[in-house]
Amino acid sequence: EQGYSGAINYLGNRLRSAISYETAIKKATETNNSSAATPSNSSRNVTAITFGTSLAFAGGRFAIGRPISDSFAIVAPVKGLKGKRIDINPDKNDSYLSKSDFLGPALVSELGSYNLSKISIGGRFIPEGANLGKDHFTVFPRYKSGYMFEVGSDANLYIKGKFKLPDGSPL
């Protein structure tokens, strides 16, 4: 028997998907009367397509994201930042664990029960002058639990100035 297989996986912000294909080719065997293959000697082809997503609810907010494996957290921007991109656990390569966007809040779908997890908030894409408020959260989730954190503030006041001594030097 000889076979071939292949798979393509995609892990996105809101879904997990995969396409796989497998074929097995059985060699024909000779019988006493003819050289034709017996009916049990045939090839087998299997194609599988999978999609996974989730709809989570916590703290009065819904979020769509990757399938939830255990516990989860929804990170929702305030009204003034709605539709803006906020990255969850961002790194230097513009990679992230999850993000909020025009589809709604970010969903952190793979928090392990009874493990301390840090959720950091990246606001690189929010408008200038907007305030994220708290930029990190630490959770110790119970089994199959959900959390909701709201980030940002609709009330912002920024004052820019320089304090100088009477001689002109900085204070």
C-alpha atoms as a PDB file:
ATOM      1  CA  GLU A   1       0.000   0.000   0.000  1.00  0.00           C
ATOM      2  CA  GLN A   2       1.288   3.429  -0.925  1.00  0.00           C
ATOM      3  CA  GLY A   3      -0.226   6.703   0.169  1.00  0.00           C
ATOM      4  CA  TYR A   4      -0.067  10.453   0.089  1.00  0.00           C
ATOM      5  CA  SER A   5      -1.435  13.081   2.410  1.00  0.00           C
ATOM      6  CA  GLY A   6      -1.416  16.812   2.915  1.00  0.00           C
ATOM      7  CA  ALA A   7      -2.936  19.388   5.222  1.00  0.00           C
ATOM      8  CA  ILE A   8      -3.398  23.147   5.366  1.00  0.00           C
ATOM      9  CA  ASN A   9      -4.227  24.803   8.696  1.00  0.00           C
ATOM     10  CA  TYR A  10      -5.274  28.406   9.324  1.00  0.00           C
ATOM     11  CA  LEU A  11      -5.377  30.001  12.752  1.00  0.00           C
ATOM     12  CA  GLY A  12      -7.099  33.378  12.617  1.00  0.00           C
ATOM     13  CA  ASN A  13      -8.312  35.873  15.148  1.00  0.00           C
ATOM     14  CA  ARG A  14     -11.888  34.636  15.006  1.00  0.00           C
ATOM     15  CA  LEU A  15     -11.609  31.048  13.752  1.00  0.00           C
ATOM     16  CA  ARG A  16      -9.578  27.912  13.321  1.00  0.00           C
ATOM     17  CA  SER A  17      -9.805  25.970  10.064  1.00  0.00           C
ATOM     18  CA  ALA A  18      -8.122  23.034   8.367  1.00  0.00           C
ATOM     19  CA  ILE A  19      -8.301  21.140   5.106  1.00  0.00           C
ATOM     20  CA  SER A  20      -6.676  17.727   4.808  1.00  0.00           C
ATOM     21  CA  TYR A  21      -6.501  15.117   2.100  1.00  0.00           C
ATOM     22  CA  GLU A  22      -5.303  11.538   2.289  1.00  0.00           C
ATOM     23  CA  THR A  23      -5.124   8.827  -0.335  1.00  0.00           C
ATOM     24  CA  ALA A  24      -4.055   5.207   0.002  1.00  0.00           C
ATOM     25  CA  ILE A  25      -3.426   3.135  -3.094  1.00  0.00           C
ATOM     26  CA  LYS A  26      -3.456  -0.636  -2.757  1.00  0.00           C
ATOM     27  CA  LYS A  27      -1.500  -2.628  -5.280  1.00  0.00           C
ATOM     28  CA  ALA A  28      -3.468  -5.017  -7.488  1.00  0.00           C
ATOM     29  CA  THR A  29      -2.943  -8.716  -6.795  1.00  0.00           C
ATOM     30  CA  GLU A  30      -3.113 -11.464  -9.358  1.00  0.00           C
ATOM     31  CA  THR A  31      -5.708 -14.181  -9.048  1.00  0.00           C
ATOM     32  CA  ASN A  32      -5.537 -17.704 -10.514  1.00  0.00           C
ATOM     33  CA  ASN A  33      -7.954 -16.960 -13.372  1.00  0.00           C
ATOM     34  CA  SER A  34      -6.961 -13.424 -14.429  1.00  0.00           C
ATOM     35  CA  SER A  35      -4.555 -10.624 -13.758  1.00  0.00           C
ATOM     36  CA  ALA A  36      -7.342  -8.246 -12.708  1.00  0.00           C
ATOM     37  CA  ALA A  37      -7.426  -6.763  -9.240  1.00  0.00           C
ATOM     38  CA  THR A  38      -9.834  -8.239  -6.744  1.00  0.00           C
ATOM     39  CA  PRO A  39     -12.643  -5.914  -5.586  1.00  0.00           C
ATOM     40  CA  SER A  40     -11.104  -5.552  -2.103  1.00  0.00           C
ATOM     41  CA  ASN A  41      -7.942  -4.077  -3.606  1.00  0.00           C
ATOM     42  CA  SER A  42      -8.881  -0.460  -4.328  1.00  0.00           C
ATOM     43  CA  SER A  43      -7.702   2.995  -3.432  1.00  0.00           C
ATOM     44  CA  ARG A  44      -9.089   5.058  -0.588  1.00  0.00           C
ATOM     45  CA  ASN A  45      -9.462   8.863  -0.618  1.00  0.00           C
ATOM     46  CA  VAL A  46     -10.399  10.961   2.407  1.00  0.00           C
ATOM     47  CA  THR A  47     -10.927  14.720   2.402  1.00  0.00           C
ATOM     48  CA  ALA A  48     -11.740  16.590   5.598  1.00  0.00           C
ATOM     49  CA  ILE A  49     -12.648  20.244   6.055  1.00  0.00           C
ATOM     50  CA  THR A  50     -13.048  21.646   9.563  1.00  0.00           C
ATOM     51  CA  PHE A  51     -13.990  25.079  10.868  1.00  0.00           C
ATOM     52  CA  GLY A  52     -14.165  26.110  14.494  1.00  0.00           C
ATOM     53  CA  THR A  53     -15.294  29.339  16.132  1.00  0.00           C
ATOM     54  CA  SER A  54     -17.038  30.326  19.354  1.00  0.00           C
ATOM     55  CA  LEU A  55     -19.501  32.819  20.725  1.00  0.00           C
ATOM     56  CA  ALA A  56     -18.737  33.815  24.310  1.00  0.00           C
ATOM     57  CA  PHE A  57     -20.705  35.840  26.835  1.00  0.00           C
ATOM     58  CA  ALA A  58     -19.377  37.359  30.069  1.00  0.00           C
ATOM     59  CA  GLY A  59     -20.045  40.549  31.990  1.00  0.00           C
ATOM     60  CA  GLY A  60     -22.875  41.543  29.674  1.00  0.00           C
ATOM     61  CA  ARG A  61     -20.714  41.421  26.512  1.00  0.00           C
ATOM     62  CA  PHE A  62     -20.577  38.977  23.594  1.00  0.00           C
ATOM     63  CA  ALA A  63     -17.425  38.112  21.649  1.00  0.00           C
ATOM     64  CA  ILE A  64     -16.626  35.911  18.664  1.00  0.00           C
ATOM     65  CA  GLY A  65     -13.294  34.104  18.610  1.00  0.00           C
ATOM     66  CA  ARG A  66     -11.378  30.873  18.283  1.00  0.00           C
ATOM     67  CA  PRO A  67     -12.884  27.777  19.898  1.00  0.00           C
ATOM     68  CA  ILE A  68     -12.797  27.930  23.701  1.00  0.00           C
ATOM     69  CA  SER A  69     -10.784  25.089  25.193  1.00  0.00           C
ATOM     70  CA  ASP A  70     -11.277  25.779  28.916  1.00  0.00           C
ATOM     71  CA  SER A  71     -11.621  29.256  30.407  1.00  0.00           C
ATOM     72  CA  PHE A  72     -11.799  32.527  28.477  1.00  0.00           C
ATOM     73  CA  ALA A  73     -11.617  36.295  28.810  1.00  0.00           C
ATOM     74  CA  ILE A  74     -13.328  39.014  26.798  1.00  0.00           C
ATOM     75  CA  VAL A  75     -11.369  42.251  26.469  1.00  0.00           C
ATOM     76  CA  ALA A  76     -13.818  44.929  25.376  1.00  0.00           C
ATOM     77  CA  PRO A  77     -12.913  48.507  24.489  1.00  0.00           C
ATOM     78  CA  VAL A  78     -15.112  51.306  25.850  1.00  0.00           C
ATOM     79  CA  LYS A  79     -17.620  53.031  23.590  1.00  0.00           C
ATOM     80  CA  GLY A  80     -15.121  55.668  22.436  1.00  0.00           C
ATOM     81  CA  LEU A  81     -12.700  52.963  21.180  1.00  0.00           C
ATOM     82  CA  LYS A  82     -15.340  50.709  19.631  1.00  0.00           C
ATOM     83  CA  GLY A  83     -14.139  49.273  16.313  1.00  0.00           C
ATOM     84  CA  LYS A  84     -10.506  50.196  16.996  1.00  0.00           C
ATOM     85  CA  ARG A  85      -7.806  47.548  17.003  1.00  0.00           C
ATOM     86  CA  ILE A  86      -6.539  46.602  20.437  1.00  0.00           C
ATOM     87  CA  ASP A  87      -4.013  43.748  20.525  1.00  0.00           C
ATOM     88  CA  ILE A  88      -3.922  41.193  23.325  1.00  0.00           C
ATOM     89  CA  ASN A  89      -0.445  39.930  24.305  1.00  0.00           C
ATOM     90  CA  PRO A  90       1.277  41.611  21.341  1.00  0.00           C
ATOM     91  CA  ASP A  91       4.908  40.976  20.439  1.00  0.00           C
ATOM     92  CA  LYS A  92       7.555  42.764  18.353  1.00  0.00           C
ATOM     93  CA  ASN A  93       6.638  40.866  15.146  1.00  0.00           C
ATOM     94  CA  ASP A  94       3.123  42.408  14.962  1.00  0.00           C
ATOM     95  CA  SER A  95       1.771  39.101  16.233  1.00  0.00           C
ATOM     96  CA  TYR A  96      -0.900  38.844  18.915  1.00  0.00           C
ATOM     97  CA  LEU A  97      -2.952  36.307  20.824  1.00  0.00           C
ATOM     98  CA  SER A  98      -6.225  38.037  19.950  1.00  0.00           C
ATOM     99  CA  LYS A  99      -7.435  41.475  18.882  1.00  0.00           C
ATOM    100  CA  SER A 100     -10.518  43.639  18.937  1.00  0.00           C
ATOM    101  CA  ASP A 101     -11.706  45.160  15.676  1.00  0.00           C
ATOM    102  CA  PHE A 102     -14.883  46.129  13.834  1.00  0.00           C
ATOM    103  CA  LEU A 103     -16.340  42.675  14.634  1.00  0.00           C
ATOM    104  CA  GLY A 104     -16.234  43.359  18.364  1.00  0.00           C
ATOM    105  CA  PRO A 105     -14.197  42.683  21.489  1.00  0.00           C
ATOM    106  CA  ALA A 106     -11.141  40.445  21.651  1.00  0.00           C
ATOM    107  CA  LEU A 107     -11.628  36.921  22.951  1.00  0.00           C
ATOM    108  CA  VAL A 108      -8.782  35.167  24.754  1.00  0.00           C
ATOM    109  CA  SER A 109     -10.048  31.624  24.319  1.00  0.00           C
ATOM    110  CA  GLU A 110      -7.291  29.438  25.742  1.00  0.00           C
ATOM    111  CA  LEU A 111      -6.859  30.258  29.420  1.00  0.00           C
ATOM    112  CA  GLY A 112      -5.914  27.206  31.459  1.00  0.00           C
ATOM    113  CA  SER A 113      -7.822  26.520  34.651  1.00  0.00           C
ATOM    114  CA  TYR A 114      -5.949  27.121  37.884  1.00  0.00           C
ATOM    115  CA  ASN A 115      -2.976  28.638  36.047  1.00  0.00           C
ATOM    116  CA  LEU A 116      -1.908  32.224  36.543  1.00  0.00           C
ATOM    117  CA  SER A 117      -2.290  33.990  33.174  1.00  0.00           C
ATOM    118  CA  LYS A 118      -1.200  37.487  32.235  1.00  0.00           C
ATOM    119  CA  ILE A 119      -3.182  39.430  29.666  1.00  0.00           C
ATOM    120  CA  SER A 120      -1.374  42.485  28.326  1.00  0.00           C
ATOM    121  CA  ILE A 121      -3.089  45.134  26.232  1.00  0.00           C
ATOM    122  CA  GLY A 122      -1.413  46.757  23.226  1.00  0.00           C
ATOM    123  CA  GLY A 123      -2.792  50.076  22.066  1.00  0.00           C
ATOM    124  CA  ARG A 124      -0.493  50.796  19.154  1.00  0.00           C
ATOM    125  CA  PHE A 125      -3.438  51.278  16.791  1.00  0.00           C
ATOM    126  CA  ILE A 126      -5.699  53.475  18.920  1.00  0.00           C
ATOM    127  CA  PRO A 127      -6.054  57.164  18.019  1.00  0.00           C
ATOM    128  CA  GLU A 128      -3.647  59.690  19.477  1.00  0.00           C
ATOM    129  CA  GLY A 129      -4.956  61.117  22.725  1.00  0.00           C
ATOM    130  CA  ALA A 130      -7.017  58.027  23.565  1.00  0.00           C
ATOM    131  CA  ASN A 131      -6.376  56.395  26.904  1.00  0.00           C
ATOM    132  CA  LEU A 132      -6.324  52.628  27.456  1.00  0.00           C
ATOM    133  CA  GLY A 133      -6.306  52.921  31.221  1.00  0.00           C
ATOM    134  CA  LYS A 134      -5.043  49.651  32.655  1.00  0.00           C
ATOM    135  CA  ASP A 135      -2.706  47.911  30.197  1.00  0.00           C
ATOM    136  CA  HIS A 136      -2.529  44.460  31.818  1.00  0.00           C
ATOM    137  CA  PHE A 137      -4.622  42.010  33.817  1.00  0.00           C
ATOM    138  CA  THR A 138      -3.723  38.874  35.742  1.00  0.00           C
ATOM    139  CA  VAL A 139      -6.246  36.067  36.119  1.00  0.00           C
ATOM    140  CA  PHE A 140      -6.323  32.750  37.926  1.00  0.00           C
ATOM    141  CA  PRO A 141      -9.365  31.163  36.280  1.00  0.00           C
ATOM    142  CA  ARG A 142     -11.492  28.451  37.811  1.00  0.00           C
ATOM    143  CA  TYR A 143     -12.587  25.479  35.700  1.00  0.00           C
ATOM    144  CA  LYS A 144     -14.627  26.535  32.632  1.00  0.00           C
ATOM    145  CA  SER A 145     -14.929  30.170  33.741  1.00  0.00           C
ATOM    146  CA  GLY A 146     -15.246  33.423  31.840  1.00  0.00           C
ATOM    147  CA  TYR A 147     -14.071  36.979  32.500  1.00  0.00           C
ATOM    148  CA  MET A 148     -14.757  40.358  30.946  1.00  0.00           C
ATOM    149  CA  PHE A 149     -12.377  43.305  31.128  1.00  0.00           C
ATOM    150  CA  GLU A 150     -13.185  46.736  29.779  1.00  0.00           C
ATOM    151  CA  VAL A 151     -10.259  48.833  28.589  1.00  0.00           C
ATOM    152  CA  GLY A 152     -10.037  52.516  27.801  1.00  0.00           C
ATOM    153  CA  SER A 153     -11.717  55.618  29.016  1.00  0.00           C
ATOM    154  CA  ASP A 154     -14.147  57.964  27.304  1.00  0.00           C
ATOM    155  CA  ALA A 155     -13.054  60.830  29.540  1.00  0.00           C
ATOM    156  CA  ASN A 156      -9.674  62.206  28.536  1.00  0.00           C
ATOM    157  CA  LEU A 157      -7.961  65.441  29.434  1.00  0.00           C
ATOM    158  CA  TYR A 158      -4.401  66.114  28.400  1.00  0.00           C
ATOM    159  CA  ILE A 159      -2.413  69.143  29.412  1.00  0.00           C
ATOM    160  CA  LYS A 160       0.985  69.789  27.960  1.00  0.00           C
ATOM    161  CA  GLY A 161       3.361  72.336  29.364  1.00  0.00           C
ATOM    162  CA  LYS A 162       6.810  73.087  30.697  1.00  0.00           C
ATOM    163  CA  PHE A 163       7.576  74.212  34.207  1.00  0.00           C
ATOM    164  CA  LYS A 164      10.487  76.634  34.417  1.00  0.00           C
ATOM    165  CA  LEU A 165      12.246  78.451  37.163  1.00  0.00           C
ATOM    166  CA  PRO A 166      12.447  82.290  37.075  1.00  0.00           C
ATOM    167  CA  ASP A 167      15.851  82.042  35.366  1.00  0.00           C
ATOM    168  CA  GLY A 168      14.383  79.928  32.502  1.00  0.00           C
ATOM    169  CA  SER A 169      15.872  76.599  33.499  1.00  0.00           C
ATOM    170  CA  PRO A 170      13.578  73.570  33.738  1.00  0.00           C
ATOM    171  CA  LEU A 171      12.006  72.789  37.084  1.00  0.00           C
END
